[in-house]
Amino acid sequence: DCYGTPISLRAKKEGIKPDDIVNRYHSEFVECFKKLGFSY
């Protein structure tokens, strides 16, 4: 989920754009699900 207040708050806290937060964590999620063997 790439929309919403939690992303805006994190971006504001880190002083970066919301898209940067989204891209960082989406990539992390994909890698995590791959390592755990999820079958999406």
ModelCIF file with pLDDT and N, C-alpha, C, O atoms, coordinates in Angstrom:
data_MODEL
#
_entry.id   MODEL 
#
_entity.id                         1 
_entity.type                       polymer 
_entity.pdbx_number_of_molecules   1 
#
_entity_poly.entity_id                      1 
_entity_poly.type                           'polypeptide(L)' 
_entity_poly.nstd_linkage                   no 
_entity_poly.nstd_monomer                   no 
_entity_poly.pdbx_seq_one_letter_code       DCYGTPISLRAKKEGIKPDDIVNRYHSEFVECFKKLGFSY 
_entity_poly.pdbx_seq_one_letter_code_can   DCYGTPISLRAKKEGIKPDDIVNRYHSEFVECFKKLGFSY 
_entity_poly.pdbx_strand_id                 A 
#
loop_
_entity_poly_seq.entity_id 
_entity_poly_seq.num 
_entity_poly_seq.mon_id 
_entity_poly_seq.hetero 
1 1  ASP n 
1 2  CYS n 
1 3  TYR n 
1 4  GLY n 
1 5  THR n 
1 6  PRO n 
1 7  ILE n 
1 8  SER n 
1 9  LEU n 
1 10 ARG n 
1 11 ALA n 
1 12 LYS n 
1 13 LYS n 
1 14 GLU n 
1 15 GLY n 
1 16 ILE n 
1 17 LYS n 
1 18 PRO n 
1 19 ASP n 
1 20 ASP n 
1 21 ILE n 
1 22 VAL n 
1 23 ASN n 
1 24 ARG n 
1 25 TYR n 
1 26 HIS n 
1 27 SER n 
1 28 GLU n 
1 29 PHE n 
1 30 VAL n 
1 31 GLU n 
1 32 CYS n 
1 33 PHE n 
1 34 LYS n 
1 35 LYS n 
1 36 LEU n 
1 37 GLY n 
1 38 PHE n 
1 39 SER n 
1 40 TYR n 
#
_struct_asym.id          A 
_struct_asym.entity_id   1 
#
loop_
_ma_qa_metric.id 
_ma_qa_metric.mode 
_ma_qa_metric.name 
_ma_qa_metric.software_group_id 
_ma_qa_metric.type 
1 global pLDDT . pLDDT 
2 local  pLDDT . pLDDT 
#
_ma_qa_metric_global.metric_id      1 
_ma_qa_metric_global.metric_value   94.78 
_ma_qa_metric_global.model_id       1 
_ma_qa_metric_global.ordinal_id     1 
#
loop_
_ma_qa_metric_local.label_asym_id 
_ma_qa_metric_local.label_comp_id 
_ma_qa_metric_local.label_seq_id 
_ma_qa_metric_local.metric_id 
_ma_qa_metric_local.metric_value 
_ma_qa_metric_local.model_id 
_ma_qa_metric_local.ordinal_id 
A ASP 1  2 96.00 1 1  
A CYS 2  2 96.00 1 2  
A TYR 3  2 92.00 1 3  
A GLY 4  2 86.00 1 4  
A THR 5  2 85.00 1 5  
A PRO 6  2 87.00 1 6  
A ILE 7  2 92.00 1 7  
A SER 8  2 87.00 1 8  
A LEU 9  2 86.00 1 9  
A ARG 10 2 92.00 1 10 
A ALA 11 2 93.00 1 11 
A LYS 12 2 89.00 1 12 
A LYS 13 2 92.00 1 13 
A GLU 14 2 96.00 1 14 
A GLY 15 2 96.00 1 15 
A ILE 16 2 97.00 1 16 
A LYS 17 2 96.00 1 17 
A PRO 18 2 95.00 1 18 
A ASP 19 2 96.00 1 19 
A ASP 20 2 97.00 1 20 
A ILE 21 2 97.00 1 21 
A VAL 22 2 97.00 1 22 
A ASN 23 2 97.00 1 23 
A ARG 24 2 97.00 1 24 
A TYR 25 2 97.00 1 25 
A HIS 26 2 98.00 1 26 
A SER 27 2 98.00 1 27 
A GLU 28 2 98.00 1 28 
A PHE 29 2 98.00 1 29 
A VAL 30 2 98.00 1 30 
A GLU 31 2 98.00 1 31 
A CYS 32 2 97.00 1 32 
A PHE 33 2 97.00 1 33 
A LYS 34 2 97.00 1 34 
A LYS 35 2 97.00 1 35 
A LEU 36 2 96.00 1 36 
A GLY 37 2 97.00 1 37 
A PHE 38 2 97.00 1 38 
A SER 39 2 97.00 1 39 
A TYR 40 2 97.00 1 40 
#
loop_
_atom_site.group_PDB 
_atom_site.id 
_atom_site.type_symbol 
_atom_site.label_atom_id 
_atom_site.label_alt_id 
_atom_site.label_comp_id 
_atom_site.label_asym_id 
_atom_site.label_entity_id 
_atom_site.label_seq_id 
_atom_site.pdbx_PDB_ins_code 
_atom_site.Cartn_x 
_atom_site.Cartn_y 
_atom_site.Cartn_z 
_atom_site.occupancy 
_atom_site.B_iso_or_equiv 
_atom_site.pdbx_formal_charge 
_atom_site.auth_seq_id 
_atom_site.auth_comp_id 
_atom_site.auth_asym_id 
_atom_site.auth_atom_id 
_atom_site.pdbx_PDB_model_num 
ATOM 1   N N  . ASP A 1 1  ? 0.863  -1.175  0.000  1.00 96.00 ? 1  ASP A N  1 
ATOM 2   C CA . ASP A 1 1  ? 0.000  0.000   0.000  1.00 96.00 ? 1  ASP A CA 1 
ATOM 3   C C  . ASP A 1 1  ? 0.901  1.226   0.000  1.00 96.00 ? 1  ASP A C  1 
ATOM 4   O O  . ASP A 1 1  ? 1.640  1.473   0.953  1.00 96.00 ? 1  ASP A O  1 
ATOM 5   N N  . CYS A 1 2  ? 0.827  1.979   -1.071 1.00 96.00 ? 2  CYS A N  1 
ATOM 6   C CA . CYS A 1 2  ? 1.747  3.101   -1.280 1.00 96.00 ? 2  CYS A CA 1 
ATOM 7   C C  . CYS A 1 2  ? 1.128  4.456   -0.982 1.00 96.00 ? 2  CYS A C  1 
ATOM 8   O O  . CYS A 1 2  ? 1.724  5.492   -1.276 1.00 96.00 ? 2  CYS A O  1 
ATOM 9   N N  . TYR A 1 3  ? -0.049 4.456   -0.408 1.00 92.00 ? 3  TYR A N  1 
ATOM 10  C CA . TYR A 1 3  ? -0.730 5.696   -0.054 1.00 92.00 ? 3  TYR A CA 1 
ATOM 11  C C  . TYR A 1 3  ? -0.967 5.719   1.446  1.00 92.00 ? 3  TYR A C  1 
ATOM 12  O O  . TYR A 1 3  ? -0.927 4.675   2.097  1.00 92.00 ? 3  TYR A O  1 
ATOM 13  N N  . GLY A 1 4  ? -1.208 6.867   1.984  1.00 86.00 ? 4  GLY A N  1 
ATOM 14  C CA . GLY A 1 4  ? -1.634 6.944   3.366  1.00 86.00 ? 4  GLY A CA 1 
ATOM 15  C C  . GLY A 1 4  ? -0.707 7.705   4.282  1.00 86.00 ? 4  GLY A C  1 
ATOM 16  O O  . GLY A 1 4  ? 0.460  7.955   3.980  1.00 86.00 ? 4  GLY A O  1 
ATOM 17  N N  . THR A 1 5  ? -1.271 8.055   5.396  1.00 85.00 ? 5  THR A N  1 
ATOM 18  C CA . THR A 1 5  ? -0.578 8.853   6.398  1.00 85.00 ? 5  THR A CA 1 
ATOM 19  C C  . THR A 1 5  ? 0.710  8.208   6.912  1.00 85.00 ? 5  THR A C  1 
ATOM 20  O O  . THR A 1 5  ? 1.703  8.915   7.084  1.00 85.00 ? 5  THR A O  1 
ATOM 21  N N  . PRO A 1 6  ? 0.735  6.880   7.168  1.00 87.00 ? 6  PRO A N  1 
ATOM 22  C CA . PRO A 1 6  ? 1.976  6.307   7.696  1.00 87.00 ? 6  PRO A CA 1 
ATOM 23  C C  . PRO A 1 6  ? 3.191  6.571   6.798  1.00 87.00 ? 6  PRO A C  1 
ATOM 24  O O  . PRO A 1 6  ? 4.302  6.776   7.287  1.00 87.00 ? 6  PRO A O  1 
ATOM 25  N N  . ILE A 1 7  ? 2.968  6.562   5.505  1.00 92.00 ? 7  ILE A N  1 
ATOM 26  C CA . ILE A 1 7  ? 4.070  6.818   4.566  1.00 92.00 ? 7  ILE A CA 1 
ATOM 27  C C  . ILE A 1 7  ? 4.473  8.284   4.611  1.00 92.00 ? 7  ILE A C  1 
ATOM 28  O O  . ILE A 1 7  ? 5.661  8.607   4.626  1.00 92.00 ? 7  ILE A O  1 
ATOM 29  N N  . SER A 1 8  ? 3.486  9.168   4.633  1.00 87.00 ? 8  SER A N  1 
ATOM 30  C CA . SER A 1 8  ? 3.774  10.605  4.714  1.00 87.00 ? 8  SER A CA 1 
ATOM 31  C C  . SER A 1 8  ? 4.527  10.947  5.989  1.00 87.00 ? 8  SER A C  1 
ATOM 32  O O  . SER A 1 8  ? 5.467  11.742  5.965  1.00 87.00 ? 8  SER A O  1 
ATOM 33  N N  . LEU A 1 9  ? 4.120  10.354  7.096  1.00 86.00 ? 9  LEU A N  1 
ATOM 34  C CA . LEU A 1 9  ? 4.787  10.608  8.370  1.00 86.00 ? 9  LEU A CA 1 
ATOM 35  C C  . LEU A 1 9  ? 6.241  10.138  8.342  1.00 86.00 ? 9  LEU A C  1 
ATOM 36  O O  . LEU A 1 9  ? 7.134  10.843  8.812  1.00 86.00 ? 9  LEU A O  1 
ATOM 37  N N  . ARG A 1 10 ? 6.474  8.957   7.795  1.00 92.00 ? 10 ARG A N  1 
ATOM 38  C CA . ARG A 1 10 ? 7.841  8.419   7.715  1.00 92.00 ? 10 ARG A CA 1 
ATOM 39  C C  . ARG A 1 10 ? 8.710  9.298   6.834  1.00 92.00 ? 10 ARG A C  1 
ATOM 40  O O  . ARG A 1 10 ? 9.851  9.600   7.182  1.00 92.00 ? 10 ARG A O  1 
ATOM 41  N N  . ALA A 1 11 ? 8.167  9.711   5.686  1.00 93.00 ? 11 ALA A N  1 
ATOM 42  C CA . ALA A 1 11 ? 8.924  10.569  4.762  1.00 93.00 ? 11 ALA A CA 1 
ATOM 43  C C  . ALA A 1 11 ? 9.269  11.896  5.424  1.00 93.00 ? 11 ALA A C  1 
ATOM 44  O O  . ALA A 1 11 ? 10.393 12.385  5.302  1.00 93.00 ? 11 ALA A O  1 
ATOM 45  N N  . LYS A 1 12 ? 8.309  12.472  6.119  1.00 89.00 ? 12 LYS A N  1 
ATOM 46  C CA . LYS A 1 12 ? 8.538  13.740  6.815  1.00 89.00 ? 12 LYS A CA 1 
ATOM 47  C C  . LYS A 1 12 ? 9.624  13.583  7.872  1.00 89.00 ? 12 LYS A C  1 
ATOM 48  O O  . LYS A 1 12 ? 10.508 14.431  7.994  1.00 89.00 ? 12 LYS A O  1 
ATOM 49  N N  . LYS A 1 13 ? 9.555  12.497  8.635  1.00 92.00 ? 13 LYS A N  1 
ATOM 50  C CA . LYS A 1 13 ? 10.531 12.219  9.691  1.00 92.00 ? 13 LYS A CA 1 
ATOM 51  C C  . LYS A 1 13 ? 11.947 12.088  9.122  1.00 92.00 ? 13 LYS A C  1 
ATOM 52  O O  . LYS A 1 13 ? 12.913 12.554  9.726  1.00 92.00 ? 13 LYS A O  1 
ATOM 53  N N  . GLU A 1 14 ? 12.056 11.448  7.954  1.00 96.00 ? 14 GLU A N  1 
ATOM 54  C CA . GLU A 1 14 ? 13.366 11.223  7.347  1.00 96.00 ? 14 GLU A CA 1 
ATOM 55  C C  . GLU A 1 14 ? 13.791 12.348  6.407  1.00 96.00 ? 14 GLU A C  1 
ATOM 56  O O  . GLU A 1 14 ? 14.926 12.368  5.930  1.00 96.00 ? 14 GLU A O  1 
ATOM 57  N N  . GLY A 1 15 ? 12.883 13.282  6.142  1.00 96.00 ? 15 GLY A N  1 
ATOM 58  C CA . GLY A 1 15 ? 13.213 14.400  5.264  1.00 96.00 ? 15 GLY A CA 1 
ATOM 59  C C  . GLY A 1 15 ? 13.394 14.014  3.813  1.00 96.00 ? 15 GLY A C  1 
ATOM 60  O O  . GLY A 1 15 ? 14.201 14.610  3.099  1.00 96.00 ? 15 GLY A O  1 
ATOM 61  N N  . ILE A 1 16 ? 12.635 13.005  3.371  1.00 97.00 ? 16 ILE A N  1 
ATOM 62  C CA . ILE A 1 16 ? 12.712 12.572  1.977  1.00 97.00 ? 16 ILE A CA 1 
ATOM 63  C C  . ILE A 1 16 ? 11.308 12.486  1.388  1.00 97.00 ? 16 ILE A C  1 
ATOM 64  O O  . ILE A 1 16 ? 10.321 12.703  2.092  1.00 97.00 ? 16 ILE A O  1 
ATOM 65  N N  . LYS A 1 17 ? 11.220 12.172  0.106  1.00 96.00 ? 17 LYS A N  1 
ATOM 66  C CA . LYS A 1 17 ? 9.933  12.084  -0.571 1.00 96.00 ? 17 LYS A CA 1 
ATOM 67  C C  . LYS A 1 17 ? 9.218  10.777  -0.218 1.00 96.00 ? 17 LYS A C  1 
ATOM 68  O O  . LYS A 1 17 ? 9.862  9.750   -0.001 1.00 96.00 ? 17 LYS A O  1 
ATOM 69  N N  . PRO A 1 18 ? 7.883  10.824  -0.164 1.00 95.00 ? 18 PRO A N  1 
ATOM 70  C CA . PRO A 1 18 ? 7.132  9.585   0.088  1.00 95.00 ? 18 PRO A CA 1 
ATOM 71  C C  . PRO A 1 18 ? 7.465  8.464   -0.909 1.00 95.00 ? 18 PRO A C  1 
ATOM 72  O O  . PRO A 1 18 ? 7.497  7.293   -0.533 1.00 95.00 ? 18 PRO A O  1 
ATOM 73  N N  . ASP A 1 19 ? 7.711  8.820   -2.173 1.00 96.00 ? 19 ASP A N  1 
ATOM 74  C CA . ASP A 1 19 ? 8.058  7.792   -3.165 1.00 96.00 ? 19 ASP A CA 1 
ATOM 75  C C  . ASP A 1 19 ? 9.333  7.046   -2.791 1.00 96.00 ? 19 ASP A C  1 
ATOM 76  O O  . ASP A 1 19 ? 9.456  5.851   -3.060 1.00 96.00 ? 19 ASP A O  1 
ATOM 77  N N  . ASP A 1 20 ? 10.284 7.749   -2.169 1.00 97.00 ? 20 ASP A N  1 
ATOM 78  C CA . ASP A 1 20 ? 11.531 7.099   -1.751 1.00 97.00 ? 20 ASP A CA 1 
ATOM 79  C C  . ASP A 1 20 ? 11.268 6.078   -0.647 1.00 97.00 ? 20 ASP A C  1 
ATOM 80  O O  . ASP A 1 20 ? 11.860 4.999   -0.628 1.00 97.00 ? 20 ASP A O  1 
ATOM 81  N N  . ILE A 1 21 ? 10.373 6.433   0.269  1.00 97.00 ? 21 ILE A N  1 
ATOM 82  C CA . ILE A 1 21 ? 9.980  5.498   1.333  1.00 97.00 ? 21 ILE A CA 1 
ATOM 83  C C  . ILE A 1 21 ? 9.305  4.272   0.720  1.00 97.00 ? 21 ILE A C  1 
ATOM 84  O O  . ILE A 1 21 ? 9.643  3.135   1.048  1.00 97.00 ? 21 ILE A O  1 
ATOM 85  N N  . VAL A 1 22 ? 8.351  4.518   -0.170 1.00 97.00 ? 22 VAL A N  1 
ATOM 86  C CA . VAL A 1 22 ? 7.610  3.436   -0.811 1.00 97.00 ? 22 VAL A CA 1 
ATOM 87  C C  . VAL A 1 22 ? 8.548  2.486   -1.546 1.00 97.00 ? 22 VAL A C  1 
ATOM 88  O O  . VAL A 1 22 ? 8.458  1.270   -1.380 1.00 97.00 ? 22 VAL A O  1 
ATOM 89  N N  . ASN A 1 23 ? 9.435  3.030   -2.347 1.00 97.00 ? 23 ASN A N  1 
ATOM 90  C CA . ASN A 1 23 ? 10.331 2.179   -3.135 1.00 97.00 ? 23 ASN A CA 1 
ATOM 91  C C  . ASN A 1 23 ? 11.262 1.358   -2.241 1.00 97.00 ? 23 ASN A C  1 
ATOM 92  O O  . ASN A 1 23 ? 11.522 0.188   -2.520 1.00 97.00 ? 23 ASN A O  1 
ATOM 93  N N  . ARG A 1 24 ? 11.754 1.964   -1.182 1.00 97.00 ? 24 ARG A N  1 
ATOM 94  C CA . ARG A 1 24 ? 12.650 1.253   -0.260 1.00 97.00 ? 24 ARG A CA 1 
ATOM 95  C C  . ARG A 1 24 ? 11.944 0.058   0.367  1.00 97.00 ? 24 ARG A C  1 
ATOM 96  O O  . ARG A 1 24 ? 12.453 -1.063  0.341  1.00 97.00 ? 24 ARG A O  1 
ATOM 97  N N  . TYR A 1 25 ? 10.761 0.309   0.933  1.00 97.00 ? 25 TYR A N  1 
ATOM 98  C CA . TYR A 1 25 ? 10.098 -0.765  1.669  1.00 97.00 ? 25 TYR A CA 1 
ATOM 99  C C  . TYR A 1 25 ? 9.408  -1.770  0.761  1.00 97.00 ? 25 TYR A C  1 
ATOM 100 O O  . TYR A 1 25 ? 9.308  -2.946  1.111  1.00 97.00 ? 25 TYR A O  1 
ATOM 101 N N  . HIS A 1 26 ? 8.933  -1.334  -0.392 1.00 98.00 ? 26 HIS A N  1 
ATOM 102 C CA . HIS A 1 26 ? 8.350  -2.308  -1.323 1.00 98.00 ? 26 HIS A CA 1 
ATOM 103 C C  . HIS A 1 26 ? 9.424  -3.320  -1.732 1.00 98.00 ? 26 HIS A C  1 
ATOM 104 O O  . HIS A 1 26 ? 9.174  -4.525  -1.744 1.00 98.00 ? 26 HIS A O  1 
ATOM 105 N N  . SER A 1 27 ? 10.608 -2.830  -2.062 1.00 98.00 ? 27 SER A N  1 
ATOM 106 C CA . SER A 1 27 ? 11.709 -3.742  -2.439 1.00 98.00 ? 27 SER A CA 1 
ATOM 107 C C  . SER A 1 27 ? 12.043 -4.690  -1.292 1.00 98.00 ? 27 SER A C  1 
ATOM 108 O O  . SER A 1 27 ? 12.287 -5.878  -1.505 1.00 98.00 ? 27 SER A O  1 
ATOM 109 N N  . GLU A 1 28 ? 12.052 -4.156  -0.082 1.00 98.00 ? 28 GLU A N  1 
ATOM 110 C CA . GLU A 1 28 ? 12.326 -4.991  1.093  1.00 98.00 ? 28 GLU A CA 1 
ATOM 111 C C  . GLU A 1 28 ? 11.242 -6.055  1.262  1.00 98.00 ? 28 GLU A C  1 
ATOM 112 O O  . GLU A 1 28 ? 11.546 -7.210  1.558  1.00 98.00 ? 28 GLU A O  1 
ATOM 113 N N  . PHE A 1 29 ? 9.978  -5.667  1.076  1.00 98.00 ? 29 PHE A N  1 
ATOM 114 C CA . PHE A 1 29 ? 8.870  -6.616  1.202  1.00 98.00 ? 29 PHE A CA 1 
ATOM 115 C C  . PHE A 1 29 ? 9.004  -7.742  0.181  1.00 98.00 ? 29 PHE A C  1 
ATOM 116 O O  . PHE A 1 29 ? 8.861  -8.917  0.520  1.00 98.00 ? 29 PHE A O  1 
ATOM 117 N N  . VAL A 1 30 ? 9.275  -7.380  -1.059 1.00 98.00 ? 30 VAL A N  1 
ATOM 118 C CA . VAL A 1 30 ? 9.401  -8.383  -2.122 1.00 98.00 ? 30 VAL A CA 1 
ATOM 119 C C  . VAL A 1 30 ? 10.502 -9.384  -1.766 1.00 98.00 ? 30 VAL A C  1 
ATOM 120 O O  . VAL A 1 30 ? 10.320 -10.593 -1.918 1.00 98.00 ? 30 VAL A O  1 
ATOM 121 N N  . GLU A 1 31 ? 11.631 -8.882  -1.298 1.00 98.00 ? 31 GLU A N  1 
ATOM 122 C CA . GLU A 1 31 ? 12.747 -9.755  -0.921 1.00 98.00 ? 31 GLU A CA 1 
ATOM 123 C C  . GLU A 1 31 ? 12.367 -10.636 0.276  1.00 98.00 ? 31 GLU A C  1 
ATOM 124 O O  . GLU A 1 31 ? 12.704 -11.820 0.304  1.00 98.00 ? 31 GLU A O  1 
ATOM 125 N N  . CYS A 1 32 ? 11.683 -10.074 1.242  1.00 97.00 ? 32 CYS A N  1 
ATOM 126 C CA . CYS A 1 32 ? 11.252 -10.823 2.423  1.00 97.00 ? 32 CYS A CA 1 
ATOM 127 C C  . CYS A 1 32 ? 10.313 -11.963 2.033  1.00 97.00 ? 32 CYS A C  1 
ATOM 128 O O  . CYS A 1 32 ? 10.495 -13.096 2.479  1.00 97.00 ? 32 CYS A O  1 
ATOM 129 N N  . PHE A 1 33 ? 9.311  -11.670 1.205  1.00 97.00 ? 33 PHE A N  1 
ATOM 130 C CA . PHE A 1 33 ? 8.361  -12.703 0.800  1.00 97.00 ? 33 PHE A CA 1 
ATOM 131 C C  . PHE A 1 33 ? 9.045  -13.779 -0.046 1.00 97.00 ? 33 PHE A C  1 
ATOM 132 O O  . PHE A 1 33 ? 8.684  -14.954 0.016  1.00 97.00 ? 33 PHE A O  1 
ATOM 133 N N  . LYS A 1 34 ? 10.023 -13.366 -0.824 1.00 97.00 ? 34 LYS A N  1 
ATOM 134 C CA . LYS A 1 34 ? 10.788 -14.328 -1.624 1.00 97.00 ? 34 LYS A CA 1 
ATOM 135 C C  . LYS A 1 34 ? 11.565 -15.278 -0.700 1.00 97.00 ? 34 LYS A C  1 
ATOM 136 O O  . LYS A 1 34 ? 11.543 -16.493 -0.895 1.00 97.00 ? 34 LYS A O  1 
ATOM 137 N N  . LYS A 1 35 ? 12.245 -14.720 0.297  1.00 97.00 ? 35 LYS A N  1 
ATOM 138 C CA . LYS A 1 35 ? 13.021 -15.543 1.238  1.00 97.00 ? 35 LYS A CA 1 
ATOM 139 C C  . LYS A 1 35 ? 12.127 -16.467 2.051  1.00 97.00 ? 35 LYS A C  1 
ATOM 140 O O  . LYS A 1 35 ? 12.524 -17.587 2.372  1.00 97.00 ? 35 LYS A O  1 
ATOM 141 N N  . LEU A 1 36 ? 10.916 -16.008 2.389  1.00 96.00 ? 36 LEU A N  1 
ATOM 142 C CA . LEU A 1 36 ? 9.984  -16.821 3.155  1.00 96.00 ? 36 LEU A CA 1 
ATOM 143 C C  . LEU A 1 36 ? 9.233  -17.834 2.287  1.00 96.00 ? 36 LEU A C  1 
ATOM 144 O O  . LEU A 1 36 ? 8.533  -18.700 2.811  1.00 96.00 ? 36 LEU A O  1 
ATOM 145 N N  . GLY A 1 37 ? 9.375  -17.728 0.970  1.00 97.00 ? 37 GLY A N  1 
ATOM 146 C CA . GLY A 1 37 ? 8.750  -18.683 0.063  1.00 97.00 ? 37 GLY A CA 1 
ATOM 147 C C  . GLY A 1 37 ? 7.271  -18.463 -0.181 1.00 97.00 ? 37 GLY A C  1 
ATOM 148 O O  . GLY A 1 37 ? 6.560  -19.398 -0.548 1.00 97.00 ? 37 GLY A O  1 
ATOM 149 N N  . PHE A 1 38 ? 6.789  -17.230 0.019  1.00 97.00 ? 38 PHE A N  1 
ATOM 150 C CA . PHE A 1 38 ? 5.382  -16.945 -0.266 1.00 97.00 ? 38 PHE A CA 1 
ATOM 151 C C  . PHE A 1 38 ? 5.093  -17.218 -1.733 1.00 97.00 ? 38 PHE A C  1 
ATOM 152 O O  . PHE A 1 38 ? 5.964  -17.054 -2.587 1.00 97.00 ? 38 PHE A O  1 
ATOM 153 N N  . SER A 1 39 ? 3.869  -17.634 -2.019 1.00 97.00 ? 39 SER A N  1 
ATOM 154 C CA . SER A 1 39 ? 3.525  -18.077 -3.375 1.00 97.00 ? 39 SER A CA 1 
ATOM 155 C C  . SER A 1 39 ? 2.599  -17.110 -4.108 1.00 97.00 ? 39 SER A C  1 
ATOM 156 O O  . SER A 1 39 ? 1.696  -17.534 -4.828 1.00 97.00 ? 39 SER A O  1 
ATOM 157 N N  . TYR A 1 40 ? 2.827  -15.807 -3.921 1.00 97.00 ? 40 TYR A N  1 
ATOM 158 C CA . TYR A 1 40 ? 2.001  -14.826 -4.628 1.00 97.00 ? 40 TYR A CA 1 
ATOM 159 C C  . TYR A 1 40 ? 2.087  -15.038 -6.134 1.00 97.00 ? 40 TYR A C  1 
ATOM 160 O O  . TYR A 1 40 ? 1.457  -14.305 -6.897 1.00 97.00 ? 40 TYR A O  1 
#
